[in-house]
Amino acid sequence: MRILVPLPFNVANLRHGRNLRIVHLLRALGDHAQITCAVAGEGAGQSLRDLIGDAEVVPAPPSPAASADTQAGPPGPWLVRRAATFFGYNRGLHTLADRLRARVDAVLGFDLSSAMYLMPLDGQPSRRVPAIFDAVDDPWLTWRSRRVTDRWSAEGLKTAVAVQAYRRWLLTRMDRIIAVAPRDAQSLAAVTHRPVEVAPNGVVVPSLAPGSMTRESLVVLTGAMSFPPNERAACLLARTIWPRVQRMVPSARLALVGADPTARVQMLADGPGVVVTGRVDDVGTWLRRARVAAAPMFSGSGMKNKVLEACANGCPVAASLLAAEGIPTGERNGVLVTDDPVAFANQITRLLLDPRAAERIGLAGMDMVRRHFTWARAAEILYEAIAGGCGAAAAARPDNPAPQARLSTVFEPGAGKEATVHAAS
């Protein structure tokens, strides 16, 4: 199978969860299909070649800056064309994708800003190949997680209009829609009236022998500390939950680990036992030192990589229900879940005071991610969705190594409906 992937943005920054997902999925998809990436310029093209290796990378020629004249832009109603301009529409990239479309079996896009390039430039249905859209997170849920002042700013309102224009017109024309977590899939299915399949994130699991890590009486929260949901989680953890933990374990320390801490997060370092690290070279180093990872998230969208990363490093996680969205929970999966601050503090305290239980639960989490959340498994689910969009004939071609089937979940349009379907394993 031959797959075209238009990428209007540079994926070089792997601290961005979207870019990390794209790079790992394209690497793994290369085991099942021939990948051609159309990119916005030679700089982005070289970054992608360095990261994914075998895929064909074709840069678009330089083009003039986006014009306000949307009549010369993409297909669709006026509001959708305006939304495309807002998202940085690149006509040169669209022209390149249109030319490459003639020699592929499917076109795959990641993130909302890629969606327009999945459609033919002239809008003619006869020129379409199956369009598979990986939304990653639902952009509407992401917008709703922003601060109120940001949402109601001029830029925030423009973002809301652009997101809704794409969701209600462009995404309804996709052959398959993918999301990273059930909540995002349900939201997208409700607005597009299309089934939405879940292809979760993956994580790289380091080779760690049981008992090889020296755990400290340390609790960590990881993530970019300028991201509003992480900022809110840090404030809740340090101001409400942590004092209860410290009364029971006075020697314990709390580390807020992540780049670009806001002023509110930096002020948390004034609290007893709290350190704000800023950017670190390797988050895994902190997760392998900590006895507990905390994720008291009550806003945001998508699957929380911070939970998967902690489990991958053998660190048990105390998480809110939202933070554990789409992830198996309980002691046998390494993730203890509650939304009550007192119970949250008690979970952390118990793990700090019982190192053997913490190690046992942490190793269970490591086993859970190995079973369910490798990038290879996520890519196989995505491949099966692409093959389904292309039809049985394309999937059965002898040059397409097809993975064995397993069960996955698709969220159907309507209130909370879901159907079990076959996907890759």
Protein backbone atom coordinates (compact mmCIF):
# COMPACT_ATOMS: atom_id res chain seq x y z
CA MET A 1 0.00 0.00 0.00
CA ARG A 2 1.21 3.51 -0.81
CA ILE A 3 0.25 6.31 1.60
CA LEU A 4 0.64 10.05 1.09
CA VAL A 5 1.12 12.18 4.23
CA PRO A 6 0.89 15.99 3.78
CA LEU A 7 2.63 17.80 6.65
CA PRO A 8 2.18 21.60 6.73
CA PHE A 9 4.30 21.93 9.89
CA ASN A 10 7.81 20.95 10.99
CA VAL A 11 7.86 17.91 13.30
CA ALA A 12 11.42 18.43 14.56
CA ASN A 13 10.35 19.43 18.09
CA LEU A 14 9.65 16.07 19.71
CA ARG A 15 8.70 17.72 23.00
CA HIS A 16 5.40 18.47 21.26
CA GLY A 17 3.13 15.45 21.77
CA ARG A 18 1.62 15.78 18.30
CA ASN A 19 5.03 15.62 16.63
CA LEU A 20 6.13 12.70 18.78
CA ARG A 21 3.03 10.76 17.72
CA ILE A 22 3.55 11.53 14.02
CA VAL A 23 7.21 10.54 13.98
CA HIS A 24 6.72 7.26 15.84
CA LEU A 25 3.64 6.27 13.83
CA LEU A 26 5.30 7.02 10.49
CA ARG A 27 8.35 5.00 11.50
CA ALA A 28 6.15 2.03 12.43
CA LEU A 29 3.80 2.42 9.44
CA GLY A 30 6.86 1.99 7.24
CA ASP A 31 6.81 -1.71 8.17
CA HIS A 32 3.40 -2.07 6.48
CA ALA A 33 3.30 0.49 3.66
CA GLN A 34 5.29 2.81 1.40
CA ILE A 35 5.15 6.31 2.89
CA THR A 36 5.48 9.53 0.89
CA CYS A 37 5.50 12.77 2.87
CA ALA A 38 4.71 16.10 1.22
CA VAL A 39 6.22 18.82 3.40
CA ALA A 40 6.21 22.61 3.50
CA GLY A 41 9.79 23.37 2.45
CA GLU A 42 13.24 21.82 2.39
CA GLY A 43 14.01 22.65 6.05
CA ALA A 44 11.01 20.67 7.26
CA GLY A 45 11.89 17.95 4.77
CA GLN A 46 15.42 17.50 6.10
CA SER A 47 14.16 17.36 9.69
CA LEU A 48 11.71 14.63 8.71
CA ARG A 49 14.35 12.62 6.82
CA ASP A 50 16.58 12.69 9.88
CA LEU A 51 13.76 11.44 12.09
CA ILE A 52 12.02 8.73 10.05
CA GLY A 53 14.64 7.48 7.63
CA ASP A 54 13.11 5.32 4.90
CA ALA A 55 10.06 7.37 3.88
CA GLU A 56 10.12 9.39 0.65
CA VAL A 57 10.06 13.09 1.53
CA VAL A 58 9.04 15.63 -1.13
CA PRO A 59 9.29 19.34 -0.20
CA ALA A 60 6.92 21.88 -1.72
CA PRO A 61 8.57 24.71 -3.66
CA PRO A 62 8.65 28.14 -2.00
CA SER A 63 5.33 29.93 -2.32
CA PRO A 64 4.11 33.45 -1.54
CA ALA A 65 2.70 34.17 1.89
CA ALA A 66 -0.92 33.14 2.41
CA SER A 67 -3.26 35.57 0.69
CA ALA A 68 -6.45 36.94 2.12
CA ASP A 69 -8.02 36.17 -1.24
CA THR A 70 -9.52 32.84 -0.30
CA GLN A 71 -11.09 32.50 -3.75
CA ALA A 72 -7.57 31.47 -4.88
CA GLY A 73 -7.26 29.07 -1.97
CA PRO A 74 -8.74 25.69 -1.09
CA PRO A 75 -12.15 24.26 -2.00
CA GLY A 76 -15.19 24.65 0.21
CA PRO A 77 -17.61 27.26 1.53
CA TRP A 78 -16.37 30.76 2.30
CA LEU A 79 -16.09 30.17 6.06
CA VAL A 80 -14.05 27.00 5.54
CA ARG A 81 -11.70 28.83 3.18
CA ARG A 82 -11.27 31.56 5.78
CA ALA A 83 -10.56 28.89 8.39
CA ALA A 84 -7.89 27.38 6.12
CA THR A 85 -6.21 30.79 5.87
CA PHE A 86 -6.32 31.07 9.67
CA PHE A 87 -4.57 27.68 9.95
CA GLY A 88 -1.78 28.87 7.62
CA TYR A 89 -3.00 27.35 4.36
CA ASN A 90 -0.14 26.69 1.91
CA ARG A 91 -1.33 26.50 -1.69
CA GLY A 92 2.07 25.24 -2.87
CA LEU A 93 1.85 22.27 -0.50
CA HIS A 94 -1.73 21.58 -1.62
CA THR A 95 -0.62 21.65 -5.27
CA LEU A 96 2.19 19.21 -4.49
CA ALA A 97 -0.17 16.89 -2.57
CA ASP A 98 -2.59 17.00 -5.50
CA ARG A 99 0.16 15.92 -7.90
CA LEU A 100 1.35 13.09 -5.66
CA ARG A 101 -2.22 11.92 -5.00
CA ALA A 102 -2.36 10.22 -8.41
CA ARG A 103 0.19 7.57 -7.39
CA VAL A 104 -0.99 6.57 -3.91
CA ASP A 105 -3.72 4.36 -2.44
CA ALA A 106 -4.64 6.64 0.48
CA VAL A 107 -3.86 10.04 1.92
CA LEU A 108 -3.29 10.40 5.69
CA GLY A 109 -3.34 13.63 7.67
CA PHE A 110 -2.43 14.42 11.27
CA ASP A 111 -3.86 17.33 13.26
CA LEU A 112 -6.50 19.80 12.11
CA SER A 113 -4.13 21.98 10.08
CA SER A 114 -3.45 19.00 7.77
CA ALA A 115 -7.08 18.22 7.00
CA MET A 116 -7.52 20.52 3.99
CA TYR A 117 -4.65 18.85 2.12
CA LEU A 118 -6.48 15.52 2.19
CA MET A 119 -9.02 16.90 -0.31
CA PRO A 120 -8.38 17.49 -4.06
CA LEU A 121 -7.50 21.08 -4.82
CA ASP A 122 -10.31 21.38 -7.35
CA GLY A 123 -12.80 19.67 -5.01
CA GLN A 124 -13.77 17.05 -7.61
CA PRO A 125 -14.93 13.78 -5.97
CA SER A 126 -13.67 11.79 -8.96
CA ARG A 127 -10.09 12.77 -8.09
CA ARG A 128 -10.26 11.65 -4.49
CA VAL A 129 -8.39 8.76 -2.93
CA PRO A 130 -9.47 7.55 0.52
CA ALA A 131 -8.79 10.26 3.11
CA ILE A 132 -7.80 9.09 6.60
CA PHE A 133 -7.65 11.79 9.27
CA ASP A 134 -5.84 11.33 12.60
CA ALA A 135 -7.16 14.21 14.68
CA VAL A 136 -4.83 13.30 17.58
CA ASP A 137 -6.89 15.30 20.14
CA ASP A 138 -10.29 16.80 19.42
CA PRO A 139 -9.39 20.47 18.78
CA TRP A 140 -12.67 21.66 20.27
CA LEU A 141 -11.94 19.99 23.60
CA THR A 142 -8.45 21.45 23.44
CA TRP A 143 -9.89 24.94 22.86
CA ARG A 144 -12.27 24.51 25.79
CA SER A 145 -9.34 23.64 28.07
CA ARG A 146 -7.75 27.07 27.52
CA ARG A 147 -8.02 29.83 30.10
CA VAL A 148 -11.30 31.75 29.91
CA THR A 149 -9.46 34.97 29.07
CA ASP A 150 -7.68 33.21 26.19
CA ARG A 151 -10.89 31.68 24.86
CA TRP A 152 -12.64 35.04 24.76
CA SER A 153 -9.74 36.96 23.27
CA ALA A 154 -9.87 37.93 19.59
CA GLU A 155 -7.43 35.13 18.72
CA GLY A 156 -9.35 32.63 20.85
CA LEU A 157 -12.67 33.44 19.18
CA LYS A 158 -11.11 33.16 15.72
CA THR A 159 -9.70 29.78 16.72
CA ALA A 160 -13.13 28.61 17.89
CA VAL A 161 -14.81 29.63 14.61
CA ALA A 162 -12.06 28.04 12.50
CA VAL A 163 -12.13 24.80 14.50
CA GLN A 164 -15.90 24.49 14.25
CA ALA A 165 -15.89 25.26 10.51
CA TYR A 166 -13.43 22.43 9.91
CA ARG A 167 -15.15 19.99 12.25
CA ARG A 168 -18.62 20.54 10.79
CA TRP A 169 -17.76 20.66 7.07
CA LEU A 170 -14.32 19.29 6.27
CA LEU A 171 -14.11 16.37 8.70
CA THR A 172 -17.49 15.03 7.59
CA ARG A 173 -15.84 14.34 4.20
CA MET A 174 -13.12 12.07 5.61
CA ASP A 175 -13.34 8.34 4.90
CA ARG A 176 -11.96 7.41 8.32
CA ILE A 177 -11.43 9.55 11.44
CA ILE A 178 -9.03 8.55 14.21
CA ALA A 179 -8.65 9.98 17.71
CA VAL A 180 -6.20 9.24 20.48
CA ALA A 181 -8.67 8.70 23.36
CA PRO A 182 -12.33 7.69 23.84
CA ARG A 183 -13.49 11.13 25.05
CA ASP A 184 -12.07 12.79 21.92
CA ALA A 185 -13.57 10.09 19.70
CA GLN A 186 -17.03 10.54 21.23
CA SER A 187 -16.88 14.31 20.77
CA LEU A 188 -15.78 14.04 17.12
CA ALA A 189 -18.38 11.36 16.33
CA ALA A 190 -21.15 13.57 17.73
CA VAL A 191 -20.27 16.56 15.52
CA THR A 192 -19.22 14.78 12.31
CA HIS A 193 -21.90 12.07 12.42
CA ARG A 194 -19.16 9.62 11.42
CA PRO A 195 -17.69 6.64 13.29
CA VAL A 196 -14.42 7.58 14.99
CA GLU A 197 -11.86 4.92 15.86
CA VAL A 198 -9.38 5.12 18.74
CA ALA A 199 -5.68 4.60 17.96
CA PRO A 200 -3.94 5.36 21.27
CA ASN A 201 -0.55 6.91 21.80
CA GLY A 202 2.44 4.71 22.39
CA VAL A 203 5.49 4.98 24.59
CA VAL A 204 9.06 3.75 24.45
CA VAL A 205 9.65 1.32 27.33
CA PRO A 206 13.27 1.39 28.57
CA SER A 207 15.05 -1.84 29.47
CA LEU A 208 14.86 -1.76 33.23
CA ALA A 209 15.47 -4.81 35.42
CA PRO A 210 13.20 -5.20 38.47
CA GLY A 211 14.95 -3.80 41.53
CA SER A 212 17.55 -1.92 39.46
CA MET A 213 16.14 1.52 40.32
CA THR A 214 16.81 3.36 43.56
CA ARG A 215 13.58 5.14 44.40
CA GLU A 216 13.53 8.23 46.61
CA SER A 217 10.74 9.62 48.73
CA LEU A 218 9.88 11.76 45.74
CA VAL A 219 6.65 12.63 43.93
CA VAL A 220 6.78 14.06 40.41
CA LEU A 221 4.37 15.80 38.06
CA THR A 222 5.70 16.05 34.50
CA GLY A 223 4.67 18.11 31.49
CA ALA A 224 5.14 21.49 29.85
CA MET A 225 4.37 23.86 32.69
CA SER A 226 3.18 26.63 30.37
CA PHE A 227 0.30 24.42 29.19
CA PRO A 228 -2.79 25.58 31.11
CA PRO A 229 -4.06 22.10 32.13
CA ASN A 230 -0.59 21.26 33.50
CA GLU A 231 -0.38 24.61 35.28
CA ARG A 232 -3.76 23.98 36.94
CA ALA A 233 -2.71 20.45 37.91
CA ALA A 234 0.54 21.73 39.42
CA CYS A 235 -1.29 24.35 41.50
CA LEU A 236 -3.87 21.85 42.73
CA LEU A 237 -1.19 19.32 43.61
CA ALA A 238 1.11 21.75 45.42
CA ARG A 239 -1.52 23.81 47.24
CA THR A 240 -4.27 21.32 48.09
CA ILE A 241 -2.92 17.76 47.92
CA TRP A 242 0.73 18.16 48.89
CA PRO A 243 0.22 19.68 52.35
CA ARG A 244 -1.80 16.60 53.36
CA VAL A 245 1.00 14.32 52.09
CA GLN A 246 3.70 16.28 53.91
CA ARG A 247 1.91 16.04 57.24
CA MET A 248 2.19 12.24 56.96
CA VAL A 249 5.60 12.07 55.25
CA PRO A 250 7.59 15.17 56.27
CA SER A 251 10.73 14.03 54.43
CA ALA A 252 8.97 13.68 51.08
CA ARG A 253 9.69 16.05 48.18
CA LEU A 254 7.55 17.15 45.26
CA ALA A 255 9.15 17.95 41.86
CA LEU A 256 7.24 19.82 39.15
CA VAL A 257 9.23 18.74 36.11
CA GLY A 258 8.72 20.46 32.78
CA ALA A 259 9.70 23.29 30.50
CA ASP A 260 8.61 26.92 30.66
CA PRO A 261 6.98 27.11 34.10
CA THR A 262 4.65 30.08 34.37
CA ALA A 263 4.93 32.63 37.15
CA ARG A 264 2.16 30.80 39.04
CA VAL A 265 4.09 27.52 38.83
CA GLN A 266 7.40 29.13 39.82
CA MET A 267 5.76 30.54 42.96
CA LEU A 268 4.91 26.99 44.05
CA ALA A 269 8.63 26.43 44.77
CA ASP A 270 8.14 28.62 47.88
CA GLY A 271 6.18 25.75 49.46
CA PRO A 272 7.95 23.27 51.75
CA GLY A 273 9.52 20.35 49.92
CA VAL A 274 8.56 21.63 46.44
CA VAL A 275 11.03 22.10 43.58
CA VAL A 276 10.27 23.50 40.12
CA THR A 277 12.89 22.19 37.69
CA GLY A 278 12.12 23.96 34.43
CA ARG A 279 13.32 22.18 31.27
CA VAL A 280 15.25 18.94 31.85
CA ASP A 281 17.23 16.83 29.41
CA ASP A 282 15.46 13.59 30.27
CA VAL A 283 12.12 13.37 32.09
CA GLY A 284 12.73 9.63 32.43
CA THR A 285 15.59 10.30 34.86
CA TRP A 286 13.13 11.90 37.29
CA LEU A 287 10.54 9.15 36.78
CA ARG A 288 13.12 6.48 37.57
CA ARG A 289 14.06 8.31 40.79
CA ALA A 290 10.50 8.97 41.98
CA ARG A 291 8.41 6.62 44.06
CA VAL A 292 5.15 8.14 42.77
CA ALA A 293 4.04 10.09 39.70
CA ALA A 294 1.03 12.37 40.18
CA ALA A 295 -1.41 13.45 37.47
CA PRO A 296 -4.32 15.40 39.01
CA MET A 297 -5.62 16.62 35.63
CA PHE A 298 -9.10 18.15 35.46
CA SER A 299 -8.88 19.87 32.06
CA GLY A 300 -7.39 19.12 28.66
CA SER A 301 -8.04 16.49 26.01
CA GLY A 302 -6.48 13.38 24.55
CA MET A 303 -4.48 10.62 26.18
CA LYS A 304 -2.03 11.80 28.82
CA ASN A 305 1.48 10.78 27.78
CA LYS A 306 2.71 11.70 31.27
CA VAL A 307 0.80 8.68 32.64
CA LEU A 308 2.16 6.30 29.99
CA GLU A 309 5.72 7.60 30.44
CA ALA A 310 5.57 7.11 34.20
CA CYS A 311 4.31 3.55 33.79
CA ALA A 312 6.98 2.83 31.17
CA ASN A 313 9.61 3.83 33.74
CA GLY A 314 8.17 1.59 36.45
CA CYS A 315 6.75 4.48 38.48
CA PRO A 316 3.23 3.99 39.93
CA VAL A 317 0.78 6.76 39.10
CA ALA A 318 -1.84 8.53 41.18
CA ALA A 319 -4.21 10.01 38.61
CA SER A 320 -7.55 11.71 38.18
CA LEU A 321 -10.20 10.09 36.00
CA LEU A 322 -9.48 12.53 33.17
CA ALA A 323 -5.73 11.89 33.34
CA ALA A 324 -6.35 8.15 33.01
CA GLU A 325 -8.72 8.53 30.03
CA GLY A 326 -8.29 5.54 27.72
CA ILE A 327 -5.74 3.80 29.97
CA PRO A 328 -6.37 0.62 32.02
CA THR A 329 -6.37 1.43 35.72
CA GLY A 330 -6.08 -0.28 39.09
CA GLU A 331 -3.09 -1.76 40.91
CA ARG A 332 -2.62 -4.50 38.31
CA ASN A 333 -2.15 -1.76 35.68
CA GLY A 334 -0.02 0.63 37.71
CA VAL A 335 -2.53 3.51 37.81
CA LEU A 336 -4.55 4.41 40.92
CA VAL A 337 -7.49 6.69 40.15
CA THR A 338 -9.56 9.14 42.17
CA ASP A 339 -10.94 12.66 41.75
CA ASP A 340 -11.16 13.36 45.50
CA PRO A 341 -8.19 15.43 46.79
CA VAL A 342 -8.14 13.68 50.17
CA ALA A 343 -8.16 10.22 48.59
CA PHE A 344 -5.54 11.41 46.10
CA ALA A 345 -3.26 12.49 48.95
CA ASN A 346 -3.87 9.17 50.72
CA GLN A 347 -2.86 7.20 47.62
CA ILE A 348 0.40 9.14 47.33
CA THR A 349 1.08 8.75 51.06
CA ARG A 350 0.51 5.01 50.98
CA LEU A 351 2.97 4.53 48.11
CA LEU A 352 5.59 6.73 49.76
CA LEU A 353 5.36 4.75 53.02
CA ASP A 354 5.29 1.30 51.37
CA PRO A 355 8.20 1.00 48.91
CA ARG A 356 7.46 -2.66 48.17
CA ALA A 357 3.88 -1.92 47.17
CA ALA A 358 5.08 1.02 45.08
CA GLU A 359 7.58 -1.20 43.27
CA ARG A 360 5.01 -3.93 42.67
CA ILE A 361 2.41 -1.48 41.29
CA GLY A 362 5.06 0.30 39.22
CA LEU A 363 6.20 -2.94 37.57
CA ALA A 364 2.56 -3.78 36.82
CA GLY A 365 2.27 -0.45 35.01
CA MET A 366 5.38 -1.20 33.00
CA ASP A 367 3.91 -4.53 31.93
CA MET A 368 0.62 -2.80 31.03
CA VAL A 369 2.23 -0.36 28.62
CA ARG A 370 4.28 -3.14 27.03
CA ARG A 371 1.06 -5.03 26.35
CA HIS A 372 -1.15 -2.15 25.20
CA PHE A 373 0.75 1.03 24.38
CA THR A 374 3.74 0.40 22.14
CA TRP A 375 4.04 2.56 19.03
CA ALA A 376 4.00 -0.60 16.91
CA ARG A 377 0.53 -1.50 18.20
CA ALA A 378 -0.77 2.03 17.65
CA ALA A 379 0.58 2.00 14.08
CA GLU A 380 -1.07 -1.34 13.36
CA ILE A 381 -4.47 0.01 14.44
CA LEU A 382 -3.91 3.04 12.21
CA TYR A 383 -2.83 0.82 9.31
CA GLU A 384 -5.98 -1.26 9.63
CA ALA A 385 -8.11 1.90 9.50
CA ILE A 386 -6.28 2.99 6.35
CA ALA A 387 -6.70 -0.44 4.77
CA GLY A 388 -10.41 -0.38 5.66
CA GLY A 389 -10.76 3.00 4.01
CA CYS A 390 -9.10 1.69 0.87
CA GLY A 391 -11.33 -1.39 0.69
CA ALA A 392 -10.61 -5.08 0.80
CA ALA A 393 -8.88 -5.16 -2.59
CA ALA A 394 -6.11 -2.78 -1.55
CA ALA A 395 -5.65 -4.51 1.78
CA ALA A 396 -5.29 -7.91 0.09
CA ARG A 397 -2.50 -6.93 -2.31
CA PRO A 398 0.47 -9.33 -1.93
CA ASP A 399 2.92 -6.47 -1.29
CA ASN A 400 0.93 -5.35 1.78
CA PRO A 401 2.08 -7.21 4.89
CA ALA A 402 -1.18 -7.26 6.87
CA PRO A 403 -1.17 -7.53 10.67
CA GLN A 404 -3.32 -10.06 12.46
CA ALA A 405 -6.73 -8.86 13.65
CA ARG A 406 -7.66 -7.92 17.17
CA LEU A 407 -10.56 -6.09 18.75
CA SER A 408 -10.65 -2.33 18.95
CA THR A 409 -13.29 0.31 19.70
CA VAL A 410 -15.06 2.65 17.31
CA PHE A 411 -17.31 5.39 18.68
CA GLU A 412 -20.44 5.75 16.58
CA PRO A 413 -22.47 8.94 16.13
CA GLY A 414 -25.06 9.28 18.85
CA ALA A 415 -25.12 9.41 22.62
CA GLY A 416 -22.37 7.24 23.96
CA LYS A 417 -22.71 4.45 21.40
CA GLU A 418 -19.67 2.35 20.69
CA ALA A 419 -19.11 -0.68 18.54
CA THR A 420 -16.45 -3.38 18.73
CA VAL A 421 -14.67 -3.89 15.43
CA HIS A 422 -11.57 -5.66 14.16
CA ALA A 423 -8.37 -3.68 14.05
CA ALA A 424 -4.70 -4.56 13.93
CA SER A 425 -2.75 -6.36 16.63
